[in-house]
PDB file of N, CA and C in Angstrom:
ATOM      1  N   UNK A   1       0.818  -0.921  -0.054  1.00  0.00           N
ATOM      2  CA  UNK A   1      -0.217  -0.267   0.149  1.00  0.00           C
ATOM      3  C   UNK A   1       0.968   1.553  -0.239  1.00  0.00           C
ATOM      4  N   UNK A   2       0.558   1.955  -0.592  1.00  0.00           N
ATOM      5  CA  UNK A   2       0.852   3.337  -1.020  1.00  0.00           C
ATOM      6  C   UNK A   2       0.469   5.089   0.167  1.00  0.00           C
ATOM      7  N   UNK A   3       0.638   5.775   0.274  1.00  0.00           N
ATOM      8  CA  UNK A   3      -0.326   6.516   0.322  1.00  0.00           C
ATOM      9  C   UNK A   3      -1.232   7.272  -0.628  1.00  0.00           C
ATOM     10  N   UNK A   4      -0.653   7.065  -1.962  1.00  0.00           N
ATOM     11  CA  UNK A   4      -1.362   7.536  -2.699  1.00  0.00           C
ATOM     12  C   UNK A   4      -3.095   6.520  -3.065  1.00  0.00           C
ATOM     13  N   UNK A   5      -2.365   5.073  -2.602  1.00  0.00           N
ATOM     14  CA  UNK A   5      -3.606   4.021  -2.483  1.00  0.00           C
ATOM     15  C   UNK A   5      -4.548   4.417  -1.387  1.00  0.00           C
ATOM     16  N   UNK A   6      -4.354   4.716  -0.120  1.00  0.00           N
ATOM     17  CA  UNK A   6      -5.333   4.896   0.842  1.00  0.00           C
ATOM     18  C   UNK A   6      -5.961   6.126   0.140  1.00  0.00           C
ATOM     19  N   UNK A   7      -5.375   7.215  -0.186  1.00  0.00           N
ATOM     20  CA  UNK A   7      -6.285   8.408  -0.461  1.00  0.00           C
ATOM     21  C   UNK A   7      -7.216   7.817  -1.632  1.00  0.00           C
ATOM     22  N   UNK A   8      -6.962   7.423  -2.411  1.00  0.00           N
ATOM     23  CA  UNK A   8      -7.921   7.263  -3.520  1.00  0.00           C
ATOM     24  C   UNK A   8      -9.003   5.917  -2.837  1.00  0.00           C
ATOM     25  N   UNK A   9      -8.579   5.219  -1.878  1.00  0.00           N
ATOM     26  CA  UNK A   9      -9.540   3.948  -1.125  1.00  0.00           C
ATOM     27  C   UNK A   9     -10.441   4.997  -0.840  1.00  0.00           C
ATOM     28  N   UNK A  10      -9.945   6.048   0.105  1.00  0.00           N
ATOM     29  CA  UNK A  10     -10.924   6.848   1.013  1.00  0.00           C
ATOM     30  C   UNK A  10     -11.612   7.877   0.256  1.00  0.00           C
ATOM     31  N   UNK A  11     -11.297   8.071  -0.668  1.00  0.00           N
ATOM     32  CA  UNK A  11     -12.112   9.284  -1.435  1.00  0.00           C
ATOM     33  C   UNK A  11     -12.629   9.023  -2.461  1.00  0.00           C
ATOM     34  N   UNK A  12     -12.956   7.143  -2.627  1.00  0.00           N
ATOM     35  CA  UNK A  12     -13.945   6.588  -3.025  1.00  0.00           C
ATOM     36  C   UNK A  12     -15.299   6.307  -2.233  1.00  0.00           C
ATOM     37  N   UNK A  13     -15.360   6.792  -1.071  1.00  0.00           N
ATOM     38  CA  UNK A  13     -15.858   6.299  -0.591  1.00  0.00           C
ATOM     39  C   UNK A  13     -17.420   7.399  -0.303  1.00  0.00           C
ATOM     40  N   UNK A  14     -18.673   7.189  -0.478  1.00  0.00           N
ATOM     41  CA  UNK A  14     -19.405   7.961  -0.287  1.00  0.00           C
ATOM     42  C   UNK A  14     -19.532   9.326   0.951  1.00  0.00           C
ATOM     43  N   UNK A  15     -19.596  10.696   0.098  1.00  0.00           N
ATOM     44  CA  UNK A  15     -19.217  11.971   0.807  1.00  0.00           C
ATOM     45  C   UNK A  15     -17.848  11.868   1.810  1.00  0.00           C
ATOM     46  N   UNK A  16     -16.770  10.806   1.348  1.00  0.00           N
ATOM     47  CA  UNK A  16     -15.875  11.295   1.865  1.00  0.00           C
ATOM     48  C   UNK A  16     -14.974  12.621   1.290  1.00  0.00           C
ATOM     49  N   UNK A  17     -14.357  13.175   1.938  1.00  0.00           N
ATOM     50  CA  UNK A  17     -13.578  14.524   1.639  1.00  0.00           C
ATOM     51  C   UNK A  17     -12.119  14.562   2.091  1.00  0.00           C
ATOM     52  N   UNK A  18     -11.252  15.036   2.015  1.00  0.00           N
ATOM     53  CA  UNK A  18      -9.651  15.315   2.544  1.00  0.00           C
ATOM     54  C   UNK A  18      -9.699  16.634   3.388  1.00  0.00           C
ATOM     55  N   UNK A  19      -9.170  16.772   4.115  1.00  0.00           N
ATOM     56  CA  UNK A  19      -9.066  17.519   4.978  1.00  0.00           C
ATOM     57  C   UNK A  19      -7.379  17.662   5.858  1.00  0.00           C
ATOM     58  N   UNK A  20      -6.722  19.009   5.826  1.00  0.00           N
ATOM     59  CA  UNK A  20      -5.778  19.015   6.886  1.00  0.00           C
ATOM     60  C   UNK A  20      -6.126  18.530   8.523  1.00  0.00           C
ATOM     61  N   UNK A  21      -5.165  18.518   8.686  1.00  0.00           N
ATOM     62  CA  UNK A  21      -5.395  18.016  10.461  1.00  0.00           C
ATOM     63  C   UNK A  21      -4.295  17.952  11.385  1.00  0.00           C
ATOM     64  N   UNK A  22      -4.046  18.984  11.211  1.00  0.00           N
ATOM     65  CA  UNK A  22      -2.276  19.019  12.417  1.00  0.00           C
ATOM     66  C   UNK A  22      -1.063  18.577  10.804  1.00  0.00           C
ATOM     67  N   UNK A  23      -1.586  19.751   9.959  1.00  0.00           N
ATOM     68  CA  UNK A  23      -0.372  19.129   8.757  1.00  0.00           C
ATOM     69  C   UNK A  23      -0.425  17.703   8.446  1.00  0.00           C
ATOM     70  N   UNK A  24      -1.297  17.035   8.324  1.00  0.00           N
ATOM     71  CA  UNK A  24      -1.826  15.801   7.844  1.00  0.00           C
ATOM     72  C   UNK A  24      -2.666  15.566   7.033  1.00  0.00           C
ATOM     73  N   UNK A  25      -3.050  15.088   5.986  1.00  0.00           N
ATOM     74  CA  UNK A  25      -4.454  14.775   5.589  1.00  0.00           C
ATOM     75  C   UNK A  25      -5.218  13.777   6.315  1.00  0.00           C
ATOM     76  N   UNK A  26      -6.618  14.126   6.116  1.00  0.00           N
ATOM     77  CA  UNK A  26      -7.422  13.629   6.850  1.00  0.00           C
ATOM     78  C   UNK A  26      -8.405  12.899   6.133  1.00  0.00           C
ATOM     79  N   UNK A  27      -9.419  11.396   6.574  1.00  0.00           N
ATOM     80  CA  UNK A  27     -10.432  11.749   5.689  1.00  0.00           C
ATOM     81  C   UNK A  27     -11.712  11.763   6.518  1.00  0.00           C
ATOM     82  N   UNK A  28     -12.884  12.971   5.620  1.00  0.00           N
ATOM     83  CA  UNK A  28     -14.186  12.981   6.835  1.00  0.00           C
ATOM     84  C   UNK A  28     -15.212  12.599   6.459  1.00  0.00           C
ATOM     85  N   UNK A  29     -16.234  12.626   6.880  1.00  0.00           N
ATOM     86  CA  UNK A  29     -17.470  12.214   6.526  1.00  0.00           C
ATOM     87  C   UNK A  29     -18.389  13.303   6.994  1.00  0.00           C
ATOM     88  N   UNK A  30     -18.859  14.504   6.593  1.00  0.00           N
ATOM     89  CA  UNK A  30     -19.706  15.842   7.100  1.00  0.00           C
ATOM     90  C   UNK A  30     -18.433  15.786   8.745  1.00  0.00           C
ATOM     91  N   UNK A  31     -17.865  16.008   8.283  1.00  0.00           N
ATOM     92  CA  UNK A  31     -16.348  16.930   9.730  1.00  0.00           C
ATOM     93  C   UNK A  31     -15.905  16.184  10.001  1.00  0.00           C
ATOM     94  N   UNK A  32     -16.304  14.672  10.109  1.00  0.00           N
ATOM     95  CA  UNK A  32     -15.770  13.673  11.036  1.00  0.00           C
ATOM     96  C   UNK A  32     -14.864  12.944  10.609  1.00  0.00           C
ATOM     97  N   UNK A  33     -13.724  12.273  11.336  1.00  0.00           N
ATOM     98  CA  UNK A  33     -12.437  11.750  10.810  1.00  0.00           C
ATOM     99  C   UNK A  33     -12.796  10.570  10.733  1.00  0.00           C
ATOM    100  N   UNK A  34     -12.437   9.680   9.687  1.00  0.00           N
ATOM    101  CA  UNK A  34     -12.445   7.837  10.038  1.00  0.00           C
ATOM    102  C   UNK A  34     -11.006   7.659   9.791  1.00  0.00           C
ATOM    103  N   UNK A  35     -10.311   8.292   9.136  1.00  0.00           N
ATOM    104  CA  UNK A  35      -8.812   7.941   8.877  1.00  0.00           C
ATOM    105  C   UNK A  35      -7.964   9.367   8.307  1.00  0.00           C
ATOM    106  N   UNK A  36      -6.333   9.137   8.932  1.00  0.00           N
ATOM    107  CA  UNK A  36      -5.696  10.076   8.723  1.00  0.00           C
ATOM    108  C   UNK A  36      -4.356   9.507   7.803  1.00  0.00           C
ATOM    109  N   UNK A  37      -3.347  10.044   7.172  1.00  0.00           N
ATOM    110  CA  UNK A  37      -2.535   9.758   6.000  1.00  0.00           C
ATOM    111  C   UNK A  37      -1.210  10.219   6.845  1.00  0.00           C
ATOM    112  N   UNK A  38      -0.553   9.289   7.149  1.00  0.00           N
ATOM    113  CA  UNK A  38       1.081   9.870   7.259  1.00  0.00           C
ATOM    114  C   UNK A  38       1.853  10.084   6.436  1.00  0.00           C
ATOM    115  N   UNK A  39       2.052  10.398   5.674  1.00  0.00           N
ATOM    116  CA  UNK A  39       2.660  10.126   4.134  1.00  0.00           C
ATOM    117  C   UNK A  39       4.409   9.712   4.302  1.00  0.00           C
ATOM    118  N   UNK A  40       5.079  10.826   5.304  1.00  0.00           N
ATOM    119  CA  UNK A  40       6.496  10.279   5.415  1.00  0.00           C
ATOM    120  C   UNK A  40       6.473   9.391   5.746  1.00  0.00           C
ATOM    121  N   UNK A  41       5.859   9.071   7.122  1.00  0.00           N
ATOM    122  CA  UNK A  41       6.256   7.917   8.133  1.00  0.00           C
ATOM    123  C   UNK A  41       5.213   6.162   6.923  1.00  0.00           C
ATOM    124  N   UNK A  42       5.126   6.731   5.978  1.00  0.00           N
ATOM    125  CA  UNK A  42       4.354   5.650   5.270  1.00  0.00           C
ATOM    126  C   UNK A  42       3.343   4.828   6.728  1.00  0.00           C
ATOM    127  N   UNK A  43       2.369   5.978   6.757  1.00  0.00           N
ATOM    128  CA  UNK A  43       1.417   4.870   7.972  1.00  0.00           C
ATOM    129  C   UNK A  43       0.115   5.547   7.454  1.00  0.00           C
ATOM    130  N   UNK A  44      -1.017   5.176   8.124  1.00  0.00           N
ATOM    131  CA  UNK A  44      -2.385   5.556   8.205  1.00  0.00           C
ATOM    132  C   UNK A  44      -2.867   4.938   9.860  1.00  0.00           C
ATOM    133  N   UNK A  45      -3.881   6.024  10.342  1.00  0.00           N
ATOM    134  CA  UNK A  45      -4.173   5.803  11.231  1.00  0.00           C
ATOM    135  C   UNK A  45      -5.742   5.385  11.000  1.00  0.00           C
ATOM    136  N   UNK A  46      -6.756   4.495  11.467  1.00  0.00           N
ATOM    137  CA  UNK A  46      -7.811   4.150  11.109  1.00  0.00           C
ATOM    138  C   UNK A  46      -8.563   4.002  12.610  1.00  0.00           C
ATOM    139  N   UNK A  47      -9.862   4.505  12.428  1.00  0.00           N
ATOM    140  CA  UNK A  47     -10.918   4.518  13.562  1.00  0.00           C
ATOM    141  C   UNK A  47     -11.319   2.607  13.885  1.00  0.00           C
ATOM    142  N   UNK A  48     -11.054   1.792  14.488  1.00  0.00           N
ATOM    143  CA  UNK A  48     -11.598   0.813  14.450  1.00  0.00           C
ATOM    144  C   UNK A  48     -12.108   0.502  15.573  1.00  0.00           C
ATOM    145  N   UNK A  49     -13.175  -0.285  15.916  1.00  0.00           N
ATOM    146  CA  UNK A  49     -13.870  -0.918  16.882  1.00  0.00           C
ATOM    147  C   UNK A  49     -12.827  -1.291  18.116  1.00  0.00           C
ATOM    148  N   UNK A  50     -12.572  -1.048  19.449  1.00  0.00           N
ATOM    149  CA  UNK A  50     -11.431  -1.717  20.630  1.00  0.00           C
ATOM    150  C   UNK A  50     -11.528  -3.221  20.246  1.00  0.00           C
ATOM    151  N   UNK A  51     -12.794  -3.881  19.534  1.00  0.00           N
ATOM    152  CA  UNK A  51     -12.350  -5.322  19.733  1.00  0.00           C
ATOM    153  C   UNK A  51     -11.716  -5.801  18.754  1.00  0.00           C
ATOM    154  N   UNK A  52     -11.549  -4.866  17.505  1.00  0.00           N
ATOM    155  CA  UNK A  52     -10.825  -4.975  16.156  1.00  0.00           C
ATOM    156  C   UNK A  52      -9.596  -4.555  16.488  1.00  0.00           C
ATOM    157  N   UNK A  53      -9.364  -3.619  17.298  1.00  0.00           N
ATOM    158  CA  UNK A  53      -7.987  -2.668  17.449  1.00  0.00           C
ATOM    159  C   UNK A  53      -7.405  -4.030  18.395  1.00  0.00           C
ATOM    160  N   UNK A  54      -7.853  -4.737  19.055  1.00  0.00           N
ATOM    161  CA  UNK A  54      -6.962  -5.554  19.945  1.00  0.00           C
ATOM    162  C   UNK A  54      -7.134  -6.632  19.433  1.00  0.00           C
ATOM    163  N   UNK A  55      -7.748  -7.319  18.956  1.00  0.00           N
ATOM    164  CA  UNK A  55      -7.381  -8.298  18.102  1.00  0.00           C
ATOM    165  C   UNK A  55      -5.940  -8.414  16.867  1.00  0.00           C
ATOM    166  N   UNK A  56      -6.420  -7.255  15.852  1.00  0.00           N
ATOM    167  CA  UNK A  56      -4.920  -7.187  15.139  1.00  0.00           C
ATOM    168  C   UNK A  56      -3.748  -7.010  15.223  1.00  0.00           C
ATOM    169  N   UNK A  57      -3.834  -5.846  16.696  1.00  0.00           N
ATOM    170  CA  UNK A  57      -2.605  -5.456  17.276  1.00  0.00           C
ATOM    171  C   UNK A  57      -1.641  -6.996  17.861  1.00  0.00           C
ATOM    172  N   UNK A  58      -2.891  -7.347  18.111  1.00  0.00           N
ATOM    173  CA  UNK A  58      -2.124  -8.917  18.973  1.00  0.00           C
ATOM    174  C   UNK A  58      -1.570  -9.789  18.027  1.00  0.00           C
ATOM    175  N   UNK A  59      -2.560  -9.824  16.618  1.00  0.00           N
ATOM    176  CA  UNK A  59      -2.612 -10.740  16.023  1.00  0.00           C
ATOM    177  C   UNK A  59      -1.160 -10.145  14.747  1.00  0.00           C
ATOM    178  N   UNK A  60      -1.228  -9.134  14.389  1.00  0.00           N
ATOM    179  CA  UNK A  60       0.139  -8.788  13.741  1.00  0.00           C
ATOM    180  C   UNK A  60       1.223  -7.264  14.348  1.00  0.00           C
ATOM    181  N   UNK A  61       1.893  -7.673  15.513  1.00  0.00           N
ATOM    182  CA  UNK A  61       2.062  -6.176  15.907  1.00  0.00           C
ATOM    183  C   UNK A  61       3.019  -5.223  14.960  1.00  0.00           C
ATOM    184  N   UNK A  62       3.465  -6.218  13.754  1.00  0.00           N
ATOM    185  CA  UNK A  62       4.642  -5.421  13.067  1.00  0.00           C
ATOM    186  C   UNK A  62       4.020  -4.726  12.196  1.00  0.00           C
ATOM    187  N   UNK A  63       2.433  -4.722  12.303  1.00  0.00           N
ATOM    188  CA  UNK A  63       1.547  -4.472  11.376  1.00  0.00           C
ATOM    189  C   UNK A  63       0.358  -3.162  11.844  1.00  0.00           C
ATOM    190  N   UNK A  64       0.259  -2.688  13.008  1.00  0.00           N
ATOM    191  CA  UNK A  64      -0.914  -2.554  13.803  1.00  0.00           C
ATOM    192  C   UNK A  64      -0.323  -2.140  15.072  1.00  0.00           C
ATOM    193  N   UNK A  65      -0.650  -1.290  15.424  1.00  0.00           N
ATOM    194  CA  UNK A  65      -0.100  -0.454  17.183  1.00  0.00           C
ATOM    195  C   UNK A  65      -1.476   0.660  17.319  1.00  0.00           C
ATOM    196  N   UNK A  66      -1.612   0.446  18.663  1.00  0.00           N
ATOM    197  CA  UNK A  66      -2.403   1.455  19.313  1.00  0.00           C
ATOM    198  C   UNK A  66      -1.687   2.396  19.132  1.00  0.00           C
ATOM    199  N   UNK A  67      -2.674   3.987  18.776  1.00  0.00           N
ATOM    200  CA  UNK A  67      -2.255   5.304  19.277  1.00  0.00           C
ATOM    201  C   UNK A  67      -2.158   5.732  20.667  1.00  0.00           C
ATOM    202  N   UNK A  68      -1.552   6.902  20.761  1.00  0.00           N
ATOM    203  CA  UNK A  68      -2.598   7.694  22.118  1.00  0.00           C
ATOM    204  C   UNK A  68      -3.991   8.073  22.231  1.00  0.00           C
ATOM    205  N   UNK A  69      -3.955   8.087  21.168  1.00  0.00           N
ATOM    206  CA  UNK A  69      -5.901   8.368  20.854  1.00  0.00           C
ATOM    207  C   UNK A  69      -6.815   6.549  21.030  1.00  0.00           C
ATOM    208  N   UNK A  70      -5.882   5.847  21.142  1.00  0.00           N
ATOM    209  CA  UNK A  70      -6.196   4.311  21.145  1.00  0.00           C
ATOM    210  C   UNK A  70      -7.668   4.072  22.172  1.00  0.00           C
ATOM    211  N   UNK A  71      -7.738   4.045  23.057  1.00  0.00           N
ATOM    212  CA  UNK A  71      -8.569   4.236  23.478  1.00  0.00           C
ATOM    213  C   UNK A  71     -10.484   4.736  23.147  1.00  0.00           C
ATOM    214  N   UNK A  72     -10.110   4.937  22.128  1.00  0.00           N
ATOM    215  CA  UNK A  72     -11.195   5.651  20.932  1.00  0.00           C
ATOM    216  C   UNK A  72     -10.916   4.796  19.984  1.00  0.00           C
ATOM    217  N   UNK A  73      -9.981   3.792  19.503  1.00  0.00           N
ATOM    218  CA  UNK A  73     -10.044   2.799  18.300  1.00  0.00           C
ATOM    219  C   UNK A  73      -9.111   3.431  17.324  1.00  0.00           C
ATOM    220  N   UNK A  74      -8.520   4.522  17.709  1.00  0.00           N
ATOM    221  CA  UNK A  74      -7.499   4.791  16.764  1.00  0.00           C
ATOM    222  C   UNK A  74      -6.430   3.961  16.406  1.00  0.00           C
ATOM    223  N   UNK A  75      -6.043   3.338  15.684  1.00  0.00           N
ATOM    224  CA  UNK A  75      -5.070   2.278  15.014  1.00  0.00           C
ATOM    225  C   UNK A  75      -3.809   2.511  14.032  1.00  0.00           C
ATOM    226  N   UNK A  76      -2.930   2.921  14.335  1.00  0.00           N
ATOM    227  CA  UNK A  76      -1.911   3.056  13.307  1.00  0.00           C
ATOM    228  C   UNK A  76      -1.554   1.560  12.829  1.00  0.00           C
ATOM    229  N   UNK A  77      -1.589   2.006  10.907  1.00  0.00           N
ATOM    230  CA  UNK A  77      -1.188   1.113  10.480  1.00  0.00           C
ATOM    231  C   UNK A  77       0.143   0.861   9.094  1.00  0.00           C
ATOM    232  N   UNK A  78       0.649   0.436   9.527  1.00  0.00           N
ATOM    233  CA  UNK A  78       2.345   0.126   8.581  1.00  0.00           C
ATOM    234  C   UNK A  78       1.580   0.180   6.930  1.00  0.00           C
ATOM    235  N   UNK A  79       1.427   0.871   6.374  1.00  0.00           N
ATOM    236  CA  UNK A  79       1.117   0.381   4.850  1.00  0.00           C
ATOM    237  C   UNK A  79       2.231  -0.407   4.222  1.00  0.00           C
ATOM    238  N   UNK A  80       3.361  -0.414   4.246  1.00  0.00           N
ATOM    239  CA  UNK A  80       3.938  -1.396   3.781  1.00  0.00           C
ATOM    240  C   UNK A  80       3.949  -2.579   3.789  1.00  0.00           C
ATOM    241  N   UNK A  81       3.135  -2.988   5.162  1.00  0.00           N
ATOM    242  CA  UNK A  81       3.233  -4.547   5.555  1.00  0.00           C
ATOM    243  C   UNK A  81       2.181  -4.577   5.473  1.00  0.00           C
ATOM    244  N   UNK A  82       0.740  -3.833   5.176  1.00  0.00           N
ATOM    245  CA  UNK A  82      -0.424  -4.090   5.533  1.00  0.00           C
ATOM    246  C   UNK A  82      -0.960  -5.479   4.389  1.00  0.00           C
ATOM    247  N   UNK A  83      -1.806  -6.085   4.602  1.00  0.00           N
ATOM    248  CA  UNK A  83      -2.272  -6.288   3.301  1.00  0.00           C
ATOM    249  C   UNK A  83      -3.559  -5.900   2.450  1.00  0.00           C
ATOM    250  N   UNK A  84      -3.419  -5.292   1.480  1.00  0.00           N
ATOM    251  CA  UNK A  84      -4.166  -4.538   1.003  1.00  0.00           C
ATOM    252  C   UNK A  84      -5.838  -5.124   0.702  1.00  0.00           C
ATOM    253  N   UNK A  85      -6.071  -5.898   0.684  1.00  0.00           N
ATOM    254  CA  UNK A  85      -7.496  -6.410   0.745  1.00  0.00           C
ATOM    255  C   UNK A  85      -8.319  -6.118   2.569  1.00  0.00           C
ATOM    256  N   UNK A  86      -7.319  -6.312   3.362  1.00  0.00           N
ATOM    257  CA  UNK A  86      -7.733  -6.027   4.489  1.00  0.00           C
ATOM    258  C   UNK A  86      -7.496  -4.649   4.880  1.00  0.00           C
ATOM    259  N   UNK A  87      -6.681  -3.975   4.379  1.00  0.00           N
ATOM    260  CA  UNK A  87      -6.379  -2.430   4.464  1.00  0.00           C
ATOM    261  C   UNK A  87      -8.432  -2.011   4.258  1.00  0.00           C
ATOM    262  N   UNK A  88      -8.394  -2.255   2.768  1.00  0.00           N
ATOM    263  CA  UNK A  88      -9.623  -1.653   2.282  1.00  0.00           C
ATOM    264  C   UNK A  88     -10.980  -2.115   3.160  1.00  0.00           C
ATOM    265  N   UNK A  89     -10.755  -3.161   3.437  1.00  0.00           N
ATOM    266  CA  UNK A  89     -12.242  -3.667   4.702  1.00  0.00           C
ATOM    267  C   UNK A  89     -12.206  -3.009   6.039  1.00  0.00           C
ATOM    268  N   UNK A  90     -11.160  -2.618   6.335  1.00  0.00           N
ATOM    269  CA  UNK A  90     -11.152  -1.974   7.781  1.00  0.00           C
ATOM    270  C   UNK A  90     -11.094  -0.286   7.253  1.00  0.00           C
ATOM    271  N   UNK A  91     -10.715   0.300   6.030  1.00  0.00           N
ATOM    272  CA  UNK A  91     -10.870   1.701   6.035  1.00  0.00           C
ATOM    273  C   UNK A  91     -12.521   1.691   5.509  1.00  0.00           C
ATOM    274  N   UNK A  92     -13.109   1.063   4.759  1.00  0.00           N
ATOM    275  CA  UNK A  92     -14.452   0.693   4.770  1.00  0.00           C
ATOM    276  C   UNK A  92     -15.403   0.813   6.258  1.00  0.00           C
ATOM    277  N   UNK A  93     -14.834  -0.302   7.312  1.00  0.00           N
ATOM    278  CA  UNK A  93     -15.316  -0.464   8.506  1.00  0.00           C
ATOM    279  C   UNK A  93     -15.434   0.851   9.534  1.00  0.00           C
ATOM    280  N   UNK A  94     -14.268   1.705   9.004  1.00  0.00           N
ATOM    281  CA  UNK A  94     -13.572   2.740  10.096  1.00  0.00           C
ATOM    282  C   UNK A  94     -14.851   3.836   9.074  1.00  0.00           C
ATOM    283  N   UNK A  95     -15.166   3.951   8.104  1.00  0.00           N
ATOM    284  CA  UNK A  95     -16.012   5.023   7.299  1.00  0.00           C
ATOM    285  C   UNK A  95     -17.540   4.553   7.906  1.00  0.00           C
ATOM    286  N   UNK A  96     -17.938   3.389   7.827  1.00  0.00           N
ATOM    287  CA  UNK A  96     -18.725   3.043   8.150  1.00  0.00           C
ATOM    288  C   UNK A  96     -19.539   3.586  10.040  1.00  0.00           C
ATOM    289  N   UNK A  97     -18.460   3.577  10.790  1.00  0.00           N
ATOM    290  CA  UNK A  97     -18.198   4.304  11.723  1.00  0.00           C
ATOM    291  C   UNK A  97     -19.038   5.496  11.809  1.00  0.00           C
ATOM    292  N   UNK A  98     -18.625   6.483  11.043  1.00  0.00           N
ATOM    293  CA  UNK A  98     -18.425   8.047  11.201  1.00  0.00           C
ATOM    294  C   UNK A  98     -19.928   7.894  10.416  1.00  0.00           C
ATOM    295  N   UNK A  99     -19.837   7.443   9.045  1.00  0.00           N
ATOM    296  CA  UNK A  99     -21.075   8.375   8.036  1.00  0.00           C
ATOM    297  C   UNK A  99     -22.280   7.721   8.708  1.00  0.00           C
ATOM    298  N   UNK A 100     -22.752   8.798   8.313  1.00  0.00           N
ATOM    299  CA  UNK A 100     -24.498   9.102   8.593  1.00  0.00           C
ATOM    300  C   UNK A 100     -25.453   7.040   7.973  1.00  0.00           C
ATOM    301  N   UNK A 101     -25.861   7.057   8.416  1.00  0.00           N
ATOM    302  CA  UNK A 101     -27.039   5.661   8.478  1.00  0.00           C
ATOM    303  C   UNK A 101     -27.161   5.490   7.511  1.00  0.00           C
ATOM    304  N   UNK A 102     -28.286   6.215   6.913  1.00  0.00           N
ATOM    305  CA  UNK A 102     -28.669   6.447   5.484  1.00  0.00           C
ATOM    306  C   UNK A 102     -28.005   6.501   4.660  1.00  0.00           C
ATOM    307  N   UNK A 103     -26.643   6.612   4.225  1.00  0.00           N
ATOM    308  CA  UNK A 103     -25.331   6.893   3.627  1.00  0.00           C
ATOM    309  C   UNK A 103     -25.028   5.534   3.745  1.00  0.00           C
ATOM    310  N   UNK A 104     -24.638   5.064   5.147  1.00  0.00           N
ATOM    311  CA  UNK A 104     -23.947   3.180   5.317  1.00  0.00           C
ATOM    312  C   UNK A 104     -25.101   2.580   4.346  1.00  0.00           C
ATOM    313  N   UNK A 105     -26.393   2.904   4.622  1.00  0.00           N
ATOM    314  CA  UNK A 105     -27.078   1.971   4.001  1.00  0.00           C
ATOM    315  C   UNK A 105     -27.318   1.583   2.641  1.00  0.00           C
ATOM    316  N   UNK A 106     -27.550   2.924   1.872  1.00  0.00           N
ATOM    317  CA  UNK A 106     -27.347   3.122   0.008  1.00  0.00           C
ATOM    318  C   UNK A 106     -26.360   2.394  -0.104  1.00  0.00           C
ATOM    319  N   UNK A 107     -24.699   2.442   0.632  1.00  0.00           N
ATOM    320  CA  UNK A 107     -23.192   1.819   0.417  1.00  0.00           C
ATOM    321  C   UNK A 107     -23.641  -0.212   0.574  1.00  0.00           C
ATOM    322  N   UNK A 108     -24.416  -0.215   1.726  1.00  0.00           N
ATOM    323  CA  UNK A 108     -24.804  -1.659   1.385  1.00  0.00           C
ATOM    324  C   UNK A 108     -25.693  -1.760   0.699  1.00  0.00           C
ATOM    325  N   UNK A 109     -26.257  -1.540   0.366  1.00  0.00           N
ATOM    326  CA  UNK A 109     -27.081  -1.950  -0.784  1.00  0.00           C
ATOM    327  C   UNK A 109     -26.691  -2.148  -2.160  1.00  0.00           C
ATOM    328  N   UNK A 110     -25.348  -1.612  -2.402  1.00  0.00           N
ATOM    329  CA  UNK A 110     -24.546  -1.493  -3.371  1.00  0.00           C
ATOM    330  C   UNK A 110     -23.715  -2.468  -3.381  1.00  0.00           C
ATOM    331  N   UNK A 111     -23.559  -2.698  -2.336  1.00  0.00           N
ATOM    332  CA  UNK A 111     -22.105  -3.785  -2.043  1.00  0.00           C
ATOM    333  C   UNK A 111     -22.604  -4.991  -0.893  1.00  0.00           C
ATOM    334  N   UNK A 112     -23.686  -5.396  -1.232  1.00  0.00           N
ATOM    335  CA  UNK A 112     -23.924  -6.632  -0.301  1.00  0.00           C
ATOM    336  C   UNK A 112     -22.672  -7.849   0.311  1.00  0.00           C
ATOM    337  N   UNK A 113     -22.621  -7.845   1.514  1.00  0.00           N
ATOM    338  CA  UNK A 113     -21.337  -8.108   2.269  1.00  0.00           C
ATOM    339  C   UNK A 113     -21.918 -10.237   2.444  1.00  0.00           C
ATOM    340  N   UNK A 114     -20.801 -10.256   2.231  1.00  0.00           N
ATOM    341  CA  UNK A 114     -20.654 -11.924   2.166  1.00  0.00           C
ATOM    342  C   UNK A 114     -21.376 -12.531   3.481  1.00  0.00           C
ATOM    343  N   UNK A 115     -21.801 -13.220   3.435  1.00  0.00           N
ATOM    344  CA  UNK A 115     -22.694 -14.209   4.464  1.00  0.00           C
ATOM    345  C   UNK A 115     -21.641 -14.614   5.294  1.00  0.00           C
ATOM    346  N   UNK A 116     -21.973 -14.464   6.655  1.00  0.00           N
ATOM    347  CA  UNK A 116     -20.564 -14.995   7.677  1.00  0.00           C
ATOM    348  C   UNK A 116     -20.670 -16.764   7.776  1.00  0.00           C
ATOM    349  N   UNK A 117     -19.446 -17.094   8.119  1.00  0.00           N
ATOM    350  CA  UNK A 117     -19.343 -18.578   8.215  1.00  0.00           C
ATOM    351  C   UNK A 117     -19.325 -19.094   9.411  1.00  0.00           C
TER     352      UNK A 117
END
């Protein structure tokens, strides 16, 4: 994954916009941040659930790390080490936490999820 890959994926989500946040790009829906991009460091920070954060940090500590705002689910992701498909799924989940319910419902209608096994 590259910073440009992150930008492209994030901005493809409905109502997503890029805005500066402490001199870093952030991706927002209606002013609420779901991801930030640390281009020089080649990492992204996503708003995960605390359960996701805990599981991924334990399973892949070389890829995922808790940030100083980790108590809110903010999780650092090393772009050079993360699986692209997994990152895409987590980015969508971060967006889903922030986006309005009707926007998420429209996304879900257009992108049905695979049934759980």
